[in-house]
Amino acid sequence: MENNRASTDIDAFCVRRRRAPGPFSLIRRKLLTYWVLARFPWRFYFGLMGALYIMVLARAIYNAPLHNIPILIVAFVIISLINAGGCAINDYFDREADALSKPYRPIPAGNISPKGVLEYTAVTFVIGAALAIYINFLSFVIVLGEILFLVTYPSILKRLSGLLANFLIGLALGFIAVFCELLLLGHISYLSLAFVPMAIAGGMQANALMDIITLVGDAKAGYTTVAVTYGVSAAVAVVVTVSVVASSSTTFPTSLESSGSPLRPS
């Protein structure tokens, strides 16, 4: 049953395809492995979401210019690289659980070694941090904080509290908008900070739902997720609750503006 399900998964389809031996097929297989390891193209959407959020609201609220395309591209590349490294290091620490619940992932499938995953993570983190420090020091500090979190999350935080871990993942997603405002507009204000509650709710919803799917593997690996600790019903309640919060929090930017709160520093 598990093998049949895995064979229909897009990860399994991409990574398990067999080609005639040759240098190009080996390179292609390696690139596909990196692609799946980083969970592309879905991780591209996080960078695009944060950048577009800031651009659209900045234009609508205080008529900010939309001509800073090079910085937008750099922000997109940095976010994509850091997210790719975060996904890879998560797979490294989750390799035992994935062997039970996601055997088609690159490490349990035998497509890349744990050492190779660490090397890939280091390369993406170093390039992303180097691009950030080239822009300005505060951008580098934010990126460095994200990297430290992405390393400590799967190695320490994820095993301590499932609900807290889900909250922190959402918080990390929210800082994408903060980072984009800093790069695109040169400051941090309520414009990006209002995005954080939406990101927290969305991150908690997605991770609580995934915890239900990976319940068996997480339990055997010793993860204290909501589904493992309190049961599937509690995890479903978390998903429903944060879905309502996510929907209501979409009005935060306009509420702040109408209440007279400053959306841009003077």
C-alpha atoms as a PDB file:
ATOM      1  CA  MET A   1       0.000   0.000   0.000  1.00  0.00           C
ATOM      2  CA  GLU A   2       2.769   2.433   0.980  1.00  0.00           C
ATOM      3  CA  ASN A   3       4.800   1.641  -2.137  1.00  0.00           C
ATOM      4  CA  ASN A   4       1.781   2.210  -4.352  1.00  0.00           C
ATOM      5  CA  ARG A   5       1.102   5.552  -2.710  1.00  0.00           C
ATOM      6  CA  ALA A   6       4.721   6.620  -2.945  1.00  0.00           C
ATOM      7  CA  SER A   7       4.897   5.721  -6.626  1.00  0.00           C
ATOM      8  CA  THR A   8       2.178   8.245  -7.386  1.00  0.00           C
ATOM      9  CA  ASP A   9       3.880  11.016  -5.438  1.00  0.00           C
ATOM     10  CA  ILE A  10       5.592  13.735  -7.438  1.00  0.00           C
ATOM     11  CA  ASP A  11       8.773  13.306  -5.400  1.00  0.00           C
ATOM     12  CA  ALA A  12       8.924   9.627  -6.193  1.00  0.00           C
ATOM     13  CA  PHE A  13       8.135  10.281  -9.853  1.00  0.00           C
ATOM     14  CA  CYS A  14      10.957  12.791 -10.208  1.00  0.00           C
ATOM     15  CA  VAL A  15      13.633  10.981  -8.233  1.00  0.00           C
ATOM     16  CA  ARG A  16      12.964   7.345  -9.107  1.00  0.00           C
ATOM     17  CA  ARG A  17      12.849   7.724 -12.883  1.00  0.00           C
ATOM     18  CA  ARG A  18      15.466   5.557 -14.582  1.00  0.00           C
ATOM     19  CA  ARG A  19      17.442   6.690 -17.640  1.00  0.00           C
ATOM     20  CA  ALA A  20      20.106   5.071 -19.752  1.00  0.00           C
ATOM     21  CA  PRO A  21      23.514   5.379 -18.053  1.00  0.00           C
ATOM     22  CA  GLY A  22      25.635   8.318 -19.121  1.00  0.00           C
ATOM     23  CA  PRO A  23      27.077  11.585 -17.820  1.00  0.00           C
ATOM     24  CA  PHE A  24      24.048  13.665 -18.745  1.00  0.00           C
ATOM     25  CA  SER A  25      21.604  11.267 -17.085  1.00  0.00           C
ATOM     26  CA  LEU A  26      23.732  11.270 -13.908  1.00  0.00           C
ATOM     27  CA  ILE A  27      23.828  15.075 -13.850  1.00  0.00           C
ATOM     28  CA  ARG A  28      20.110  15.225 -14.490  1.00  0.00           C
ATOM     29  CA  ARG A  29      19.457  12.766 -11.667  1.00  0.00           C
ATOM     30  CA  LYS A  30      21.611  14.795  -9.297  1.00  0.00           C
ATOM     31  CA  LEU A  31      19.805  18.028 -10.203  1.00  0.00           C
ATOM     32  CA  LEU A  32      16.419  16.355  -9.756  1.00  0.00           C
ATOM     33  CA  THR A  33      17.532  15.127  -6.340  1.00  0.00           C
ATOM     34  CA  TYR A  34      18.504  18.658  -5.308  1.00  0.00           C
ATOM     35  CA  TRP A  35      15.218  19.955  -6.706  1.00  0.00           C
ATOM     36  CA  VAL A  36      13.172  17.480  -4.666  1.00  0.00           C
ATOM     37  CA  LEU A  37      15.363  17.940  -1.580  1.00  0.00           C
ATOM     38  CA  ALA A  38      14.638  21.686  -1.598  1.00  0.00           C
ATOM     39  CA  ARG A  39      10.908  21.085  -2.235  1.00  0.00           C
ATOM     40  CA  PHE A  40      10.890  23.237  -5.338  1.00  0.00           C
ATOM     41  CA  PRO A  41       8.845  24.773  -6.873  1.00  0.00           C
ATOM     42  CA  TRP A  42       6.730  25.214  -3.744  1.00  0.00           C
ATOM     43  CA  ARG A  43       9.510  26.995  -1.826  1.00  0.00           C
ATOM     44  CA  PHE A  44       9.817  29.574  -4.596  1.00  0.00           C
ATOM     45  CA  TYR A  45       6.331  30.722  -3.718  1.00  0.00           C
ATOM     46  CA  PHE A  46       7.341  31.888  -0.232  1.00  0.00           C
ATOM     47  CA  GLY A  47       9.806  34.418  -1.598  1.00  0.00           C
ATOM     48  CA  LEU A  48       7.389  35.520  -4.294  1.00  0.00           C
ATOM     49  CA  MET A  49       4.552  35.832  -1.777  1.00  0.00           C
ATOM     50  CA  GLY A  50       6.517  38.038   0.605  1.00  0.00           C
ATOM     51  CA  ALA A  51       7.868  40.310  -2.118  1.00  0.00           C
ATOM     52  CA  LEU A  52       4.512  40.770  -3.858  1.00  0.00           C
ATOM     53  CA  TYR A  53       2.766  41.400  -0.530  1.00  0.00           C
ATOM     54  CA  ILE A  54       5.115  44.276   0.263  1.00  0.00           C
ATOM     55  CA  MET A  55       5.083  45.706  -3.270  1.00  0.00           C
ATOM     56  CA  VAL A  56       1.304  45.734  -3.633  1.00  0.00           C
ATOM     57  CA  LEU A  57       0.518  47.147  -0.176  1.00  0.00           C
ATOM     58  CA  ALA A  58       3.320  49.711  -0.327  1.00  0.00           C
ATOM     59  CA  ARG A  59       1.976  50.940  -3.645  1.00  0.00           C
ATOM     60  CA  ALA A  60      -1.656  50.970  -2.470  1.00  0.00           C
ATOM     61  CA  ILE A  61      -1.118  52.571   0.934  1.00  0.00           C
ATOM     62  CA  TYR A  62       1.549  55.203   0.383  1.00  0.00           C
ATOM     63  CA  ASN A  63       2.216  55.143  -3.356  1.00  0.00           C
ATOM     64  CA  ALA A  64       5.696  53.614  -3.089  1.00  0.00           C
ATOM     65  CA  PRO A  65       7.598  53.174  -6.374  1.00  0.00           C
ATOM     66  CA  LEU A  66       7.717  49.734  -7.974  1.00  0.00           C
ATOM     67  CA  HIS A  67      10.923  50.164  -9.967  1.00  0.00           C
ATOM     68  CA  ASN A  68      13.381  48.364  -7.676  1.00  0.00           C
ATOM     69  CA  ILE A  69      13.346  45.135  -9.702  1.00  0.00           C
ATOM     70  CA  PRO A  70      17.045  44.154  -9.164  1.00  0.00           C
ATOM     71  CA  ILE A  71      16.605  44.200  -5.381  1.00  0.00           C
ATOM     72  CA  LEU A  72      13.377  42.237  -5.789  1.00  0.00           C
ATOM     73  CA  ILE A  73      15.260  39.556  -7.733  1.00  0.00           C
ATOM     74  CA  VAL A  74      18.032  39.425  -5.112  1.00  0.00           C
ATOM     75  CA  ALA A  75      15.458  39.079  -2.324  1.00  0.00           C
ATOM     76  CA  PHE A  76      13.771  36.270  -4.215  1.00  0.00           C
ATOM     77  CA  VAL A  77      17.080  34.417  -4.714  1.00  0.00           C
ATOM     78  CA  ILE A  78      18.129  34.824  -1.062  1.00  0.00           C
ATOM     79  CA  ILE A  79      14.795  33.575   0.270  1.00  0.00           C
ATOM     80  CA  SER A  80      14.796  30.625  -2.139  1.00  0.00           C
ATOM     81  CA  LEU A  81      18.334  29.606  -1.149  1.00  0.00           C
ATOM     82  CA  ILE A  82      17.695  29.867   2.590  1.00  0.00           C
ATOM     83  CA  ASN A  83      14.435  27.935   2.261  1.00  0.00           C
ATOM     84  CA  ALA A  84      16.193  25.266   0.192  1.00  0.00           C
ATOM     85  CA  GLY A  85      18.857  24.854   2.866  1.00  0.00           C
ATOM     86  CA  GLY A  86      16.201  24.726   5.580  1.00  0.00           C
ATOM     87  CA  CYS A  87      14.313  21.968   3.791  1.00  0.00           C
ATOM     88  CA  ALA A  88      17.530  19.997   3.275  1.00  0.00           C
ATOM     89  CA  ILE A  89      18.640  20.185   6.910  1.00  0.00           C
ATOM     90  CA  ASN A  90      15.112  19.188   7.952  1.00  0.00           C
ATOM     91  CA  ASP A  91      15.388  16.086   5.755  1.00  0.00           C
ATOM     92  CA  TYR A  92      18.758  15.303   7.361  1.00  0.00           C
ATOM     93  CA  PHE A  93      17.349  15.246  10.888  1.00  0.00           C
ATOM     94  CA  ASP A  94      14.088  13.592   9.756  1.00  0.00           C
ATOM     95  CA  ARG A  95      15.791  10.793   7.829  1.00  0.00           C
ATOM     96  CA  GLU A  96      14.768   8.067  10.318  1.00  0.00           C
ATOM     97  CA  ALA A  97      11.147   9.213  10.449  1.00  0.00           C
ATOM     98  CA  ASP A  98      11.056   9.639   6.660  1.00  0.00           C
ATOM     99  CA  ALA A  99      12.274   6.059   6.233  1.00  0.00           C
ATOM    100  CA  LEU A 100       8.982   5.007   7.849  1.00  0.00           C
ATOM    101  CA  SER A 101       6.479   7.588   6.581  1.00  0.00           C
ATOM    102  CA  LYS A 102       8.144   9.031   3.445  1.00  0.00           C
ATOM    103  CA  PRO A 103      10.478   6.383   1.988  1.00  0.00           C
ATOM    104  CA  TYR A 104      10.473   8.203  -1.339  1.00  0.00           C
ATOM    105  CA  ARG A 105      12.346  11.246   0.057  1.00  0.00           C
ATOM    106  CA  PRO A 106      15.920  11.591  -1.283  1.00  0.00           C
ATOM    107  CA  ILE A 107      17.818  10.244   1.759  1.00  0.00           C
ATOM    108  CA  PRO A 108      15.772   7.088   2.521  1.00  0.00           C
ATOM    109  CA  ALA A 109      15.410   6.462  -1.225  1.00  0.00           C
ATOM    110  CA  GLY A 110      19.206   6.331  -1.477  1.00  0.00           C
ATOM    111  CA  ASN A 111      19.503   9.193  -3.955  1.00  0.00           C
ATOM    112  CA  ILE A 112      21.820  11.238  -1.732  1.00  0.00           C
ATOM    113  CA  SER A 113      23.828  10.534   1.409  1.00  0.00           C
ATOM    114  CA  PRO A 114      23.320  12.408   4.707  1.00  0.00           C
ATOM    115  CA  LYS A 115      26.782  13.939   4.209  1.00  0.00           C
ATOM    116  CA  GLY A 116      25.737  15.149   0.751  1.00  0.00           C
ATOM    117  CA  VAL A 117      22.663  16.797   2.270  1.00  0.00           C
ATOM    118  CA  LEU A 118      24.810  18.656   4.801  1.00  0.00           C
ATOM    119  CA  GLU A 119      27.132  19.859   2.019  1.00  0.00           C
ATOM    120  CA  TYR A 120      24.146  21.061  -0.031  1.00  0.00           C
ATOM    121  CA  THR A 121      22.743  22.855   3.039  1.00  0.00           C
ATOM    122  CA  ALA A 122      26.058  24.585   3.729  1.00  0.00           C
ATOM    123  CA  VAL A 123      26.363  25.819   0.130  1.00  0.00           C
ATOM    124  CA  THR A 124      22.841  27.282   0.024  1.00  0.00           C
ATOM    125  CA  PHE A 125      23.218  28.960   3.425  1.00  0.00           C
ATOM    126  CA  VAL A 126      26.618  30.465   2.626  1.00  0.00           C
ATOM    127  CA  ILE A 127      25.522  31.867  -0.752  1.00  0.00           C
ATOM    128  CA  GLY A 128      22.289  33.275   0.718  1.00  0.00           C
ATOM    129  CA  ALA A 129      24.111  34.921   3.627  1.00  0.00           C
ATOM    130  CA  ALA A 130      26.805  36.334   1.323  1.00  0.00           C
ATOM    131  CA  LEU A 131      24.179  37.962  -0.899  1.00  0.00           C
ATOM    132  CA  ALA A 132      22.447  39.424   2.168  1.00  0.00           C
ATOM    133  CA  ILE A 133      25.606  40.972   3.636  1.00  0.00           C
ATOM    134  CA  TYR A 134      26.382  42.449   0.219  1.00  0.00           C
ATOM    135  CA  ILE A 135      23.102  44.401   0.434  1.00  0.00           C
ATOM    136  CA  ASN A 136      23.338  45.670   4.024  1.00  0.00           C
ATOM    137  CA  PHE A 137      24.237  44.481   7.510  1.00  0.00           C
ATOM    138  CA  LEU A 138      20.675  44.368   8.885  1.00  0.00           C
ATOM    139  CA  SER A 139      19.616  42.083   6.027  1.00  0.00           C
ATOM    140  CA  PHE A 140      22.520  39.801   6.921  1.00  0.00           C
ATOM    141  CA  VAL A 141      21.428  39.736  10.581  1.00  0.00           C
ATOM    142  CA  ILE A 142      17.884  38.696   9.607  1.00  0.00           C
ATOM    143  CA  VAL A 143      19.188  35.985   7.268  1.00  0.00           C
ATOM    144  CA  LEU A 144      21.632  34.738   9.907  1.00  0.00           C
ATOM    145  CA  GLY A 145      18.788  34.534  12.426  1.00  0.00           C
ATOM    146  CA  GLU A 146      16.714  32.531   9.933  1.00  0.00           C
ATOM    147  CA  ILE A 147      19.627  30.139   9.346  1.00  0.00           C
ATOM    148  CA  LEU A 148      20.149  29.588  13.075  1.00  0.00           C
ATOM    149  CA  PHE A 149      16.451  28.887  13.497  1.00  0.00           C
ATOM    150  CA  LEU A 150      16.315  26.494  10.527  1.00  0.00           C
ATOM    151  CA  VAL A 151      19.178  24.506  12.049  1.00  0.00           C
ATOM    152  CA  THR A 152      17.865  24.422  15.634  1.00  0.00           C
ATOM    153  CA  TYR A 153      14.253  23.713  14.614  1.00  0.00           C
ATOM    154  CA  PRO A 154      14.681  20.112  13.366  1.00  0.00           C
ATOM    155  CA  SER A 155      17.563  19.297  15.702  1.00  0.00           C
ATOM    156  CA  ILE A 156      16.114  20.592  18.997  1.00  0.00           C
ATOM    157  CA  LEU A 157      12.836  22.529  18.883  1.00  0.00           C
ATOM    158  CA  LYS A 158      10.843  20.000  16.866  1.00  0.00           C
ATOM    159  CA  ARG A 159      11.416  17.324  19.504  1.00  0.00           C
ATOM    160  CA  LEU A 160      10.400  19.541  22.439  1.00  0.00           C
ATOM    161  CA  SER A 161       6.913  20.747  21.518  1.00  0.00           C
ATOM    162  CA  GLY A 162       4.946  20.149  18.356  1.00  0.00           C
ATOM    163  CA  LEU A 163       2.647  23.159  18.792  1.00  0.00           C
ATOM    164  CA  LEU A 164       5.501  25.512  19.676  1.00  0.00           C
ATOM    165  CA  ALA A 165       7.490  24.211  16.725  1.00  0.00           C
ATOM    166  CA  ASN A 166       4.564  24.877  14.386  1.00  0.00           C
ATOM    167  CA  PHE A 167       4.239  28.400  15.790  1.00  0.00           C
ATOM    168  CA  LEU A 168       7.939  29.113  15.247  1.00  0.00           C
ATOM    169  CA  ILE A 169       7.797  27.865  11.653  1.00  0.00           C
ATOM    170  CA  GLY A 170       4.961  30.316  10.977  1.00  0.00           C
ATOM    171  CA  LEU A 171       6.975  33.080  12.637  1.00  0.00           C
ATOM    172  CA  ALA A 172       9.929  32.316  10.377  1.00  0.00           C
ATOM    173  CA  LEU A 173       7.647  32.531   7.341  1.00  0.00           C
ATOM    174  CA  GLY A 174       6.348  35.890   8.548  1.00  0.00           C
ATOM    175  CA  PHE A 175       9.850  37.313   8.623  1.00  0.00           C
ATOM    176  CA  ILE A 176      10.017  36.809   4.862  1.00  0.00           C
ATOM    177  CA  ALA A 177       7.791  39.875   4.490  1.00  0.00           C
ATOM    178  CA  VAL A 178       9.880  41.790   7.045  1.00  0.00           C
ATOM    179  CA  PHE A 179      13.021  40.937   5.099  1.00  0.00           C
ATOM    180  CA  CYS A 180      11.415  41.968   1.799  1.00  0.00           C
ATOM    181  CA  GLU A 181      10.293  45.340   3.168  1.00  0.00           C
ATOM    182  CA  LEU A 182      13.799  45.999   4.459  1.00  0.00           C
ATOM    183  CA  LEU A 183      15.300  45.238   1.060  1.00  0.00           C
ATOM    184  CA  LEU A 184      12.669  46.902  -1.131  1.00  0.00           C
ATOM    185  CA  LEU A 185      11.786  49.960   0.975  1.00  0.00           C
ATOM    186  CA  GLY A 186      14.774  50.358   3.297  1.00  0.00           C
ATOM    187  CA  HIS A 187      12.875  50.112   6.585  1.00  0.00           C
ATOM    188  CA  ILE A 188      10.703  47.848   8.746  1.00  0.00           C
ATOM    189  CA  SER A 189       7.188  48.995   9.645  1.00  0.00           C
ATOM    190  CA  TYR A 190       3.671  47.765  10.367  1.00  0.00           C
ATOM    191  CA  LEU A 191       3.341  47.039   6.677  1.00  0.00           C
ATOM    192  CA  SER A 192       5.406  43.864   6.977  1.00  0.00           C
ATOM    193  CA  LEU A 193       4.786  43.205  10.679  1.00  0.00           C
ATOM    194  CA  ALA A 194       1.047  42.909   9.937  1.00  0.00           C
ATOM    195  CA  PHE A 195       1.897  39.963   7.686  1.00  0.00           C
ATOM    196  CA  VAL A 196       3.438  37.985  10.576  1.00  0.00           C
ATOM    197  CA  PRO A 197       0.132  36.869  12.223  1.00  0.00           C
ATOM    198  CA  MET A 198      -1.119  35.618   8.859  1.00  0.00           C
ATOM    199  CA  ALA A 199       2.111  33.686   8.315  1.00  0.00           C
ATOM    200  CA  ILE A 200       2.018  32.198  11.826  1.00  0.00           C
ATOM    201  CA  ALA A 201      -1.543  30.983  11.314  1.00  0.00           C
ATOM    202  CA  GLY A 202      -0.762  29.590   7.867  1.00  0.00           C
ATOM    203  CA  GLY A 203       2.426  27.893   9.035  1.00  0.00           C
ATOM    204  CA  MET A 204       0.714  26.290  12.018  1.00  0.00           C
ATOM    205  CA  GLN A 205      -2.141  25.103   9.821  1.00  0.00           C
ATOM    206  CA  ALA A 206       0.131  23.492   7.224  1.00  0.00           C
ATOM    207  CA  ASN A 207       2.417  21.839   9.771  1.00  0.00           C
ATOM    208  CA  ALA A 208      -0.401  20.538  11.966  1.00  0.00           C
ATOM    209  CA  LEU A 209      -1.980  18.993   8.878  1.00  0.00           C
ATOM    210  CA  MET A 210       1.335  17.427   7.829  1.00  0.00           C
ATOM    211  CA  ASP A 211       1.772  16.045  11.354  1.00  0.00           C
ATOM    212  CA  ILE A 212      -1.445  14.073  10.860  1.00  0.00           C
ATOM    213  CA  ILE A 213      -0.141  12.606   7.614  1.00  0.00           C
ATOM    214  CA  THR A 214       3.226  11.620   9.141  1.00  0.00           C
ATOM    215  CA  LEU A 215       1.786  10.454  12.480  1.00  0.00           C
ATOM    216  CA  VAL A 216       3.275   6.941  12.440  1.00  0.00           C
ATOM    217  CA  GLY A 217       6.784   7.997  11.494  1.00  0.00           C
ATOM    218  CA  ASP A 218       6.789  10.927  13.935  1.00  0.00           C
ATOM    219  CA  ALA A 219       5.691   8.701  16.810  1.00  0.00           C
ATOM    220  CA  LYS A 220       8.438   6.165  16.157  1.00  0.00           C
ATOM    221  CA  ALA A 221      11.017   8.945  15.792  1.00  0.00           C
ATOM    222  CA  GLY A 222      10.003  10.441  19.153  1.00  0.00           C
ATOM    223  CA  TYR A 223       8.529  13.730  17.911  1.00  0.00           C
ATOM    224  CA  THR A 224       5.999  15.311  20.285  1.00  0.00           C
ATOM    225  CA  THR A 225       3.663  16.704  17.636  1.00  0.00           C
ATOM    226  CA  VAL A 226       0.069  17.584  18.443  1.00  0.00           C
ATOM    227  CA  ALA A 227      -1.172  14.520  16.548  1.00  0.00           C
ATOM    228  CA  VAL A 228       1.222  12.221  18.421  1.00  0.00           C
ATOM    229  CA  THR A 229       0.706  13.737  21.881  1.00  0.00           C
ATOM    230  CA  TYR A 230      -2.999  14.571  21.874  1.00  0.00           C
ATOM    231  CA  GLY A 231      -4.392  12.616  18.927  1.00  0.00           C
ATOM    232  CA  VAL A 232      -5.661  13.343  15.435  1.00  0.00           C
ATOM    233  CA  SER A 233      -8.803  15.116  16.696  1.00  0.00           C
ATOM    234  CA  ALA A 234      -6.697  17.701  18.529  1.00  0.00           C
ATOM    235  CA  ALA A 235      -4.566  18.252  15.440  1.00  0.00           C
ATOM    236  CA  VAL A 236      -7.701  18.765  13.337  1.00  0.00           C
ATOM    237  CA  ALA A 237      -8.952  21.284  15.916  1.00  0.00           C
ATOM    238  CA  VAL A 238      -5.664  23.192  15.574  1.00  0.00           C
ATOM    239  CA  VAL A 239      -6.011  23.229  11.786  1.00  0.00           C
ATOM    240  CA  VAL A 240      -9.588  24.556  11.959  1.00  0.00           C
ATOM    241  CA  THR A 241      -8.783  27.164  14.619  1.00  0.00           C
ATOM    242  CA  VAL A 242      -5.760  28.621  12.879  1.00  0.00           C
ATOM    243  CA  SER A 243      -7.656  28.609   9.568  1.00  0.00           C
ATOM    244  CA  VAL A 244     -10.203  30.976  11.135  1.00  0.00           C
ATOM    245  CA  VAL A 245      -7.397  33.112  12.575  1.00  0.00           C
ATOM    246  CA  ALA A 246      -5.632  33.223   9.213  1.00  0.00           C
ATOM    247  CA  SER A 247      -8.816  34.390   7.495  1.00  0.00           C
ATOM    248  CA  SER A 248      -9.513  37.135  10.042  1.00  0.00           C
ATOM    249  CA  SER A 249      -5.901  38.365  10.135  1.00  0.00           C
ATOM    250  CA  THR A 250      -5.989  39.350   6.457  1.00  0.00           C
ATOM    251  CA  THR A 251      -7.641  42.618   7.528  1.00  0.00           C
ATOM    252  CA  PHE A 252      -4.739  43.645   9.805  1.00  0.00           C
ATOM    253  CA  PRO A 253      -2.987  46.059   7.385  1.00  0.00           C
ATOM    254  CA  THR A 254      -6.145  48.000   6.520  1.00  0.00           C
ATOM    255  CA  SER A 255      -7.243  47.996  10.190  1.00  0.00           C
ATOM    256  CA  LEU A 256      -3.929  49.516  11.221  1.00  0.00           C
ATOM    257  CA  GLU A 257      -4.236  52.170   8.563  1.00  0.00           C
ATOM    258  CA  SER A 258      -7.830  53.112   9.443  1.00  0.00           C
ATOM    259  CA  SER A 259      -6.972  53.311  13.165  1.00  0.00           C
ATOM    260  CA  GLY A 260      -4.244  55.857  12.476  1.00  0.00           C
ATOM    261  CA  SER A 261      -1.301  53.574  13.256  1.00  0.00           C
ATOM    262  CA  PRO A 262       1.807  54.552  11.282  1.00  0.00           C
ATOM    263  CA  LEU A 263       2.492  52.157   8.456  1.00  0.00           C
ATOM    264  CA  ARG A 264       5.725  53.885   7.583  1.00  0.00           C
ATOM    265  CA  PRO A 265       8.271  55.475   9.900  1.00  0.00           C
ATOM    266  CA  SER A 266       8.462  59.239   9.643  1.00  0.00           C
END
